[in-house]
């Protein structure tokens, strides 16, 4: 029987945090709980970094060190090792966003290759991850999605994107690592979905080498999942998916309103939750064909997944079922699941402070928009602070 109080265990949740780190977490979530403050703070931080004011040290010692593993992969290793000792593995995520140069795309690909090869000898890191726009310009992804003709130079760009994808998929296949591909905005996503499916057909014959991401705030994702599952069965390859709620809600709705088309988003939070749970349940019903990585900070969905696994007799450490959360968030889910013997992973972003700021700003803005999540983090931190004083 799944205990509904599992995630209340703050001693397990914050075991790796010192008193000062716990205080910092409390301070940060108090700040994030204040939406106007987040908007002002992010604007000021962007401005200060862009004009090279000496604020990097302050950013590094507060928000960066809480949500990121370090400025490079070597910085992350002590964190990786500590978490592994508590039953939680790491997904190192080179979180440099918004770059548009070919040299940067090659650098990102090489970083993913390095991490993939490193993960081969590091049991604590069985995954690699990247975003499609880390391998090519957003505009090219959008044009391919919209089926617009590419000029000769754009065709060459697209071919380089495909080649980068293939290179990292091949490396993951050869090293026994699983690649997680993040999802992005809907107006570029079809090109990424199609390319991921093409790579699954090539590399996922024996196991899920490549996993795409389903953002369940999109009302069409369950139908898409059923379609690709059917094609996988017919063509003889395994489908892999990370499922999440989604990270671009306001941007998606604003664009739909501005360009006067129906929003691809679910009508409300409840509809998104229902869609997430329906997608999750479908995958559990077809686990022989589909690899599942549950990227969620939602306690109810986590409990539901545990209950489904128990009712179906699916082992807690089944190799095709993983729970995942972001570093610096929902430790009460990650470490308590890890202590219970489930497969759990933490995404650990890293990269130069200035280059990782777009990622950090997105994280802060997401936290302010998810009702109840920040207050839950705060209540758990308060509870742990009180426990430590006794």
Protein backbone atom coordinates (compact mmCIF):
# COMPACT_ATOMS: atom_id res chain seq x y z
CA UNK A 1 0.00 0.00 0.00
CA UNK A 2 1.39 3.39 -1.05
CA UNK A 3 1.72 5.76 1.92
CA UNK A 4 0.26 9.21 1.15
CA UNK A 5 2.55 10.76 3.75
CA UNK A 6 5.79 9.63 2.05
CA UNK A 7 6.63 13.13 0.78
CA UNK A 8 6.24 14.70 4.23
CA UNK A 9 9.53 13.22 5.43
CA UNK A 10 11.72 16.34 5.52
CA UNK A 11 14.66 14.63 7.19
CA UNK A 12 15.17 12.45 4.09
CA UNK A 13 14.27 15.30 1.73
CA UNK A 14 16.90 17.73 3.03
CA UNK A 15 19.52 15.29 4.25
CA UNK A 16 22.15 16.71 1.88
CA UNK A 17 21.48 20.35 2.78
CA UNK A 18 23.52 22.05 5.49
CA UNK A 19 21.78 24.53 7.79
CA UNK A 20 23.10 27.44 5.74
CA UNK A 21 21.94 25.85 2.46
CA UNK A 22 18.52 25.31 4.00
CA UNK A 23 18.40 29.00 5.00
CA UNK A 24 19.37 30.00 1.47
CA UNK A 25 16.62 27.80 0.01
CA UNK A 26 14.09 29.40 2.37
CA UNK A 27 15.21 32.88 1.33
CA UNK A 28 15.05 32.05 -2.40
CA UNK A 29 11.59 30.49 -2.30
CA UNK A 30 10.32 33.44 -0.23
CA UNK A 31 11.58 35.72 -3.01
CA UNK A 32 10.12 33.51 -5.78
CA UNK A 33 6.73 33.54 -4.01
CA UNK A 34 6.55 37.28 -4.71
CA UNK A 35 5.67 37.64 -8.43
CA UNK A 36 6.34 41.40 -8.77
CA UNK A 37 9.70 40.90 -7.05
CA UNK A 38 10.60 38.10 -9.50
CA UNK A 39 9.79 40.35 -12.48
CA UNK A 40 11.84 43.25 -11.11
CA UNK A 41 14.70 40.99 -9.99
CA UNK A 42 15.02 39.19 -13.31
CA UNK A 43 14.94 42.46 -15.27
CA UNK A 44 17.61 44.03 -13.05
CA UNK A 45 19.80 40.90 -13.16
CA UNK A 46 19.61 40.70 -16.98
CA UNK A 47 20.50 44.38 -17.26
CA UNK A 48 23.39 44.13 -14.80
CA UNK A 49 24.91 41.09 -16.51
CA UNK A 50 24.47 42.58 -19.99
CA UNK A 51 26.41 45.72 -19.08
CA UNK A 52 28.98 43.67 -17.15
CA UNK A 53 28.26 44.99 -13.68
CA UNK A 54 30.07 42.88 -11.05
CA UNK A 55 26.99 40.91 -9.90
CA UNK A 56 28.09 37.46 -11.04
CA UNK A 57 29.41 36.54 -7.59
CA UNK A 58 26.10 37.44 -5.96
CA UNK A 59 24.12 35.45 -8.55
CA UNK A 60 26.51 32.52 -8.16
CA UNK A 61 26.24 32.38 -4.38
CA UNK A 62 22.43 32.56 -4.34
CA UNK A 63 20.12 31.45 -7.16
CA UNK A 64 22.84 29.83 -9.34
CA UNK A 65 24.29 27.55 -6.65
CA UNK A 66 20.79 26.51 -5.55
CA UNK A 67 19.50 25.54 -9.01
CA UNK A 68 22.76 24.62 -10.80
CA UNK A 69 25.57 22.14 -10.21
CA UNK A 70 28.38 24.47 -11.29
CA UNK A 71 29.96 26.32 -14.19
CA UNK A 72 31.34 23.11 -15.73
CA UNK A 73 30.87 19.36 -15.42
CA UNK A 74 33.77 18.93 -13.00
CA UNK A 75 32.06 21.34 -10.61
CA UNK A 76 29.04 19.02 -10.64
CA UNK A 77 30.81 15.78 -9.68
CA UNK A 78 30.71 16.24 -5.86
CA UNK A 79 26.94 16.87 -6.15
CA UNK A 80 26.51 13.85 -8.45
CA UNK A 81 28.36 11.57 -6.02
CA UNK A 82 26.48 12.79 -2.94
CA UNK A 83 23.10 12.31 -4.60
CA UNK A 84 24.03 8.86 -5.87
CA UNK A 85 24.81 7.79 -2.31
CA UNK A 86 21.19 8.71 -1.47
CA UNK A 87 19.72 6.67 -4.33
CA UNK A 88 19.28 9.55 -6.80
CA UNK A 89 21.11 9.64 -10.13
CA UNK A 90 22.06 12.75 -12.13
CA UNK A 91 21.28 14.09 -15.59
CA UNK A 92 23.89 16.75 -16.34
CA UNK A 93 22.24 19.41 -18.49
CA UNK A 94 24.41 21.94 -20.34
CA UNK A 95 21.87 24.76 -19.96
CA UNK A 96 23.22 27.44 -22.25
CA UNK A 97 20.22 28.88 -24.12
CA UNK A 98 19.52 31.39 -26.85
CA UNK A 99 22.75 31.04 -28.85
CA UNK A 100 22.41 31.19 -32.65
CA UNK A 101 25.91 30.55 -34.04
CA UNK A 102 27.01 27.37 -35.79
CA UNK A 103 30.12 27.24 -33.62
CA UNK A 104 27.91 27.25 -30.50
CA UNK A 105 25.75 24.43 -31.90
CA UNK A 106 28.89 22.36 -32.52
CA UNK A 107 30.14 23.19 -29.02
CA UNK A 108 26.83 22.05 -27.50
CA UNK A 109 26.93 18.82 -29.51
CA UNK A 110 30.50 18.17 -28.39
CA UNK A 111 29.51 18.84 -24.77
CA UNK A 112 26.65 16.29 -25.05
CA UNK A 113 29.10 13.79 -26.61
CA UNK A 114 31.60 14.37 -23.78
CA UNK A 115 28.91 13.84 -21.15
CA UNK A 116 27.60 10.76 -22.94
CA UNK A 117 31.03 9.18 -23.04
CA UNK A 118 31.70 10.20 -19.45
CA UNK A 119 28.37 8.70 -18.37
CA UNK A 120 29.43 5.36 -19.84
CA UNK A 121 31.89 4.93 -16.96
CA UNK A 122 29.84 6.76 -14.31
CA UNK A 123 26.97 4.67 -12.93
CA UNK A 124 25.46 7.76 -11.35
CA UNK A 125 24.78 9.27 -14.82
CA UNK A 126 22.92 6.91 -17.18
CA UNK A 127 21.36 9.78 -19.19
CA UNK A 128 22.38 12.67 -21.44
CA UNK A 129 20.09 15.53 -22.44
CA UNK A 130 19.81 18.42 -24.89
CA UNK A 131 17.31 20.84 -26.41
CA UNK A 132 16.70 20.77 -30.19
CA UNK A 133 17.51 24.50 -30.44
CA UNK A 134 20.88 23.70 -28.86
CA UNK A 135 21.72 22.03 -32.20
CA UNK A 136 20.30 24.57 -34.64
CA UNK A 137 18.56 27.91 -35.09
CA UNK A 138 14.95 28.25 -33.92
CA UNK A 139 13.99 29.83 -37.26
CA UNK A 140 15.09 26.71 -39.18
CA UNK A 141 13.09 24.43 -36.86
CA UNK A 142 10.08 26.70 -37.33
CA UNK A 143 10.35 26.76 -41.14
CA UNK A 144 10.61 22.95 -41.30
CA UNK A 145 7.64 22.64 -38.91
CA UNK A 146 5.57 25.00 -41.07
CA UNK A 147 6.68 23.14 -44.22
CA UNK A 148 8.13 26.31 -45.72
CA UNK A 149 10.76 25.96 -48.47
CA UNK A 150 14.38 26.30 -47.37
CA UNK A 151 16.95 28.09 -49.50
CA UNK A 152 20.26 26.33 -50.28
CA UNK A 153 22.07 27.71 -47.26
CA UNK A 154 19.15 26.79 -44.96
CA UNK A 155 19.08 23.27 -46.40
CA UNK A 156 22.75 22.94 -45.45
CA UNK A 157 21.92 24.22 -41.96
CA UNK A 158 19.13 21.67 -41.60
CA UNK A 159 21.40 18.87 -42.78
CA UNK A 160 23.93 19.87 -40.12
CA UNK A 161 21.17 19.73 -37.47
CA UNK A 162 20.19 16.22 -38.60
CA UNK A 163 23.85 15.20 -38.56
CA UNK A 164 24.31 16.50 -35.00
CA UNK A 165 21.26 14.55 -33.86
CA UNK A 166 22.51 11.40 -35.53
CA UNK A 167 26.01 11.80 -34.07
CA UNK A 168 24.79 11.99 -30.47
CA UNK A 169 22.20 9.22 -30.96
CA UNK A 170 24.89 6.94 -32.32
CA UNK A 171 27.16 7.74 -29.37
CA UNK A 172 24.33 6.98 -26.91
CA UNK A 173 23.60 3.73 -28.73
CA UNK A 174 27.25 2.65 -28.57
CA UNK A 175 27.78 3.62 -24.91
CA UNK A 176 24.51 2.24 -23.50
CA UNK A 177 23.30 5.71 -22.43
CA UNK A 178 19.75 7.03 -22.84
CA UNK A 179 19.31 10.43 -24.51
CA UNK A 180 16.51 12.72 -23.30
CA UNK A 181 15.43 15.36 -25.84
CA UNK A 182 13.63 18.35 -24.32
CA UNK A 183 10.50 19.81 -25.93
CA UNK A 184 10.11 23.48 -26.82
CA UNK A 185 7.51 25.83 -28.35
CA UNK A 186 4.72 24.32 -30.46
CA UNK A 187 5.57 26.36 -33.55
CA UNK A 188 8.90 24.55 -33.93
CA UNK A 189 8.07 21.24 -32.23
CA UNK A 190 6.74 19.17 -35.15
CA UNK A 191 10.15 19.26 -36.86
CA UNK A 192 11.78 18.07 -33.62
CA UNK A 193 9.14 15.35 -33.11
CA UNK A 194 9.59 14.06 -36.66
CA UNK A 195 13.38 14.02 -36.36
CA UNK A 196 13.18 12.25 -32.98
CA UNK A 197 10.86 9.64 -34.46
CA UNK A 198 13.24 9.08 -37.36
CA UNK A 199 16.10 8.53 -34.89
CA UNK A 200 13.96 6.19 -32.74
CA UNK A 201 13.27 4.08 -35.80
CA UNK A 202 17.02 3.82 -36.43
CA UNK A 203 18.39 3.43 -32.89
CA UNK A 204 15.57 2.15 -30.64
CA UNK A 205 15.36 -1.38 -32.03
CA UNK A 206 16.63 -3.11 -28.86
CA UNK A 207 16.07 -0.46 -26.17
CA UNK A 208 15.04 3.17 -25.78
CA UNK A 209 18.27 4.92 -26.78
CA UNK A 210 16.37 8.12 -27.56
CA UNK A 211 13.45 9.63 -25.61
CA UNK A 212 11.44 12.58 -26.86
CA UNK A 213 9.39 14.79 -24.51
CA UNK A 214 5.60 15.15 -24.34
CA UNK A 215 4.39 18.45 -22.85
CA UNK A 216 1.01 17.51 -21.45
CA UNK A 217 -0.37 21.04 -21.28
CA UNK A 218 -0.88 20.41 -25.02
CA UNK A 219 -4.29 18.81 -25.45
CA UNK A 220 -3.16 16.83 -28.53
CA UNK A 221 -0.33 14.86 -26.94
CA UNK A 222 -2.25 11.70 -25.98
CA UNK A 223 -3.40 11.23 -29.58
CA UNK A 224 0.16 11.85 -30.81
CA UNK A 225 1.49 9.29 -28.31
CA UNK A 226 -1.00 6.66 -29.52
CA UNK A 227 -0.05 7.31 -33.15
CA UNK A 228 3.70 7.04 -32.64
CA UNK A 229 3.25 3.99 -30.40
CA UNK A 230 1.32 2.28 -33.19
CA UNK A 231 4.01 3.13 -35.74
CA UNK A 232 6.69 1.83 -33.38
CA UNK A 233 4.86 -1.48 -32.97
CA UNK A 234 4.39 -1.80 -36.75
CA UNK A 235 8.01 -0.95 -37.56
CA UNK A 236 9.58 -2.85 -34.67
CA UNK A 237 11.17 -0.19 -32.49
CA UNK A 238 10.70 0.91 -28.88
CA UNK A 239 9.27 4.35 -28.18
CA UNK A 240 10.74 6.47 -25.38
CA UNK A 241 9.14 9.49 -23.74
CA UNK A 242 9.76 11.90 -20.93
CA UNK A 243 6.40 13.34 -19.92
CA UNK A 244 6.11 16.79 -18.33
CA UNK A 245 3.37 19.36 -17.90
CA UNK A 246 5.17 22.07 -19.89
CA UNK A 247 7.29 25.19 -19.60
CA UNK A 248 5.98 27.83 -22.05
CA UNK A 249 2.32 28.26 -21.09
CA UNK A 250 2.04 32.06 -21.09
CA UNK A 251 4.13 32.40 -24.24
CA UNK A 252 1.95 29.82 -26.04
CA UNK A 253 -1.34 31.46 -25.06
CA UNK A 254 -0.06 34.95 -25.85
CA UNK A 255 1.08 33.92 -29.34
CA UNK A 256 -2.20 32.12 -30.07
CA UNK A 257 -4.15 35.23 -29.07
CA UNK A 258 -1.87 37.60 -30.99
CA UNK A 259 -1.99 35.54 -34.22
CA UNK A 260 -5.65 34.59 -33.73
CA UNK A 261 -5.45 30.79 -33.78
CA UNK A 262 -6.89 28.30 -31.25
CA UNK A 263 -4.51 27.79 -28.35
CA UNK A 264 -2.77 24.40 -28.35
CA UNK A 265 -2.89 24.51 -24.54
CA UNK A 266 -5.35 22.67 -22.30
CA UNK A 267 -8.19 24.85 -21.01
CA UNK A 268 -6.93 25.00 -17.41
CA UNK A 269 -4.64 23.44 -14.80
CA UNK A 270 -7.08 20.62 -14.03
CA UNK A 271 -7.32 19.68 -17.72
CA UNK A 272 -3.51 19.62 -17.90
CA UNK A 273 -3.31 17.40 -14.80
CA UNK A 274 -5.93 15.05 -16.26
CA UNK A 275 -4.06 14.92 -19.57
CA UNK A 276 -0.74 14.21 -17.83
CA UNK A 277 -2.29 11.35 -15.84
CA UNK A 278 -3.99 9.94 -18.96
CA UNK A 279 -0.69 9.97 -20.89
CA UNK A 280 1.09 8.36 -17.93
CA UNK A 281 -1.60 5.66 -17.57
CA UNK A 282 -1.45 4.86 -21.30
CA UNK A 283 2.31 4.34 -21.10
CA UNK A 284 2.01 2.11 -18.02
CA UNK A 285 -0.54 0.04 -19.99
CA UNK A 286 2.04 -0.41 -22.79
CA UNK A 287 5.30 -0.57 -20.85
CA UNK A 288 6.59 -3.41 -23.03
CA UNK A 289 6.72 -0.95 -25.95
CA UNK A 290 7.33 2.42 -24.27
CA UNK A 291 10.09 3.71 -21.97
CA UNK A 292 8.76 6.18 -19.38
CA UNK A 293 10.58 9.07 -17.73
CA UNK A 294 8.13 10.91 -15.46
CA UNK A 295 9.32 14.50 -15.20
CA UNK A 296 7.04 15.85 -12.51
CA UNK A 297 7.05 17.98 -9.37
CA UNK A 298 3.41 17.10 -8.76
CA UNK A 299 2.86 14.95 -5.67
CA UNK A 300 -0.53 13.60 -6.74
CA UNK A 301 0.79 12.39 -10.10
CA UNK A 302 3.77 10.80 -8.33
CA UNK A 303 1.48 8.97 -5.90
CA UNK A 304 -0.75 7.91 -8.81
CA UNK A 305 2.27 6.48 -10.64
CA UNK A 306 3.32 4.54 -7.54
CA UNK A 307 -0.21 3.16 -7.13
CA UNK A 308 -0.37 2.06 -10.78
CA UNK A 309 2.99 0.33 -10.44
CA UNK A 310 1.84 -1.46 -7.29
CA UNK A 311 -1.48 -2.54 -8.82
CA UNK A 312 0.22 -3.86 -11.98
CA UNK A 313 3.03 -5.57 -10.10
CA UNK A 314 5.67 -3.35 -11.75
CA UNK A 315 8.92 -3.44 -9.77
CA UNK A 316 9.93 -0.13 -8.15
CA UNK A 317 13.27 -0.32 -9.92
CA UNK A 318 11.87 -1.41 -13.31
CA UNK A 319 14.50 -0.37 -15.85
CA UNK A 320 11.94 1.39 -18.09
CA UNK A 321 10.35 3.60 -15.42
CA UNK A 322 12.07 6.69 -14.03
CA UNK A 323 10.93 9.62 -11.93
CA UNK A 324 12.69 12.95 -12.49
CA UNK A 325 12.82 16.40 -10.90
CA UNK A 326 14.95 19.50 -11.33
CA UNK A 327 17.92 20.16 -9.07
CA UNK A 328 16.98 22.63 -6.34
CA UNK A 329 13.29 21.75 -6.45
CA UNK A 330 10.99 19.06 -4.99
CA UNK A 331 13.68 17.33 -2.94
CA UNK A 332 10.87 15.90 -0.81
CA UNK A 333 9.76 13.89 -3.87
CA UNK A 334 13.20 12.92 -5.20
CA UNK A 335 14.92 11.72 -2.05
CA UNK A 336 11.90 10.00 -0.53
CA UNK A 337 11.31 8.09 -3.78
CA UNK A 338 15.01 7.21 -3.91
CA UNK A 339 14.90 5.94 -0.32
CA UNK A 340 11.94 3.72 -1.28
CA UNK A 341 13.93 2.10 -4.10
CA UNK A 342 12.37 3.80 -7.13
CA UNK A 343 14.50 4.94 -10.06
CA UNK A 344 14.95 8.69 -9.55
CA UNK A 345 16.93 11.28 -11.48
CA UNK A 346 17.70 14.94 -10.90
CA UNK A 347 18.35 17.28 -13.83
CA UNK A 348 21.47 19.27 -12.89
CA UNK A 349 21.93 22.36 -15.08
CA UNK A 350 25.44 23.73 -15.50
CA UNK A 351 27.33 26.27 -17.58
CA UNK A 352 28.83 29.77 -17.32
CA UNK A 353 26.73 31.95 -14.98
CA UNK A 354 25.85 34.58 -17.60
CA UNK A 355 24.93 31.96 -20.22
CA UNK A 356 22.73 29.98 -17.83
CA UNK A 357 20.72 33.04 -16.71
CA UNK A 358 17.93 32.57 -19.33
CA UNK A 359 17.36 29.09 -17.90
CA UNK A 360 17.35 30.37 -14.30
CA UNK A 361 14.96 33.19 -15.12
CA UNK A 362 12.58 30.70 -16.76
CA UNK A 363 12.74 28.53 -13.62
CA UNK A 364 11.90 31.50 -11.36
CA UNK A 365 9.02 32.60 -13.60
CA UNK A 366 7.63 29.05 -13.77
CA UNK A 367 7.68 28.76 -9.98
CA UNK A 368 5.67 31.96 -9.57
CA UNK A 369 3.04 30.69 -12.03
CA UNK A 370 2.52 27.23 -10.44
CA UNK A 371 -0.02 27.79 -7.71
CA UNK A 372 0.89 26.13 -4.44
CA UNK A 373 4.29 24.75 -5.43
CA UNK A 374 6.42 27.48 -3.89
CA UNK A 375 4.31 27.57 -0.72
CA UNK A 376 4.71 23.78 -0.41
CA UNK A 377 8.50 24.13 -0.71
CA UNK A 378 8.46 26.83 1.97
CA UNK A 379 6.30 24.83 4.38
CA UNK A 380 8.60 21.80 4.09
CA UNK A 381 11.73 23.90 4.63
CA UNK A 382 10.11 25.50 7.70
CA UNK A 383 9.21 22.05 9.02
CA UNK A 384 12.79 20.83 8.58
CA UNK A 385 14.27 23.94 10.22
CA UNK A 386 12.00 23.35 13.19
CA UNK A 387 12.93 19.64 13.35
CA UNK A 388 16.64 20.49 13.41
CA UNK A 389 16.20 22.87 16.33
CA UNK A 390 14.64 20.19 18.56
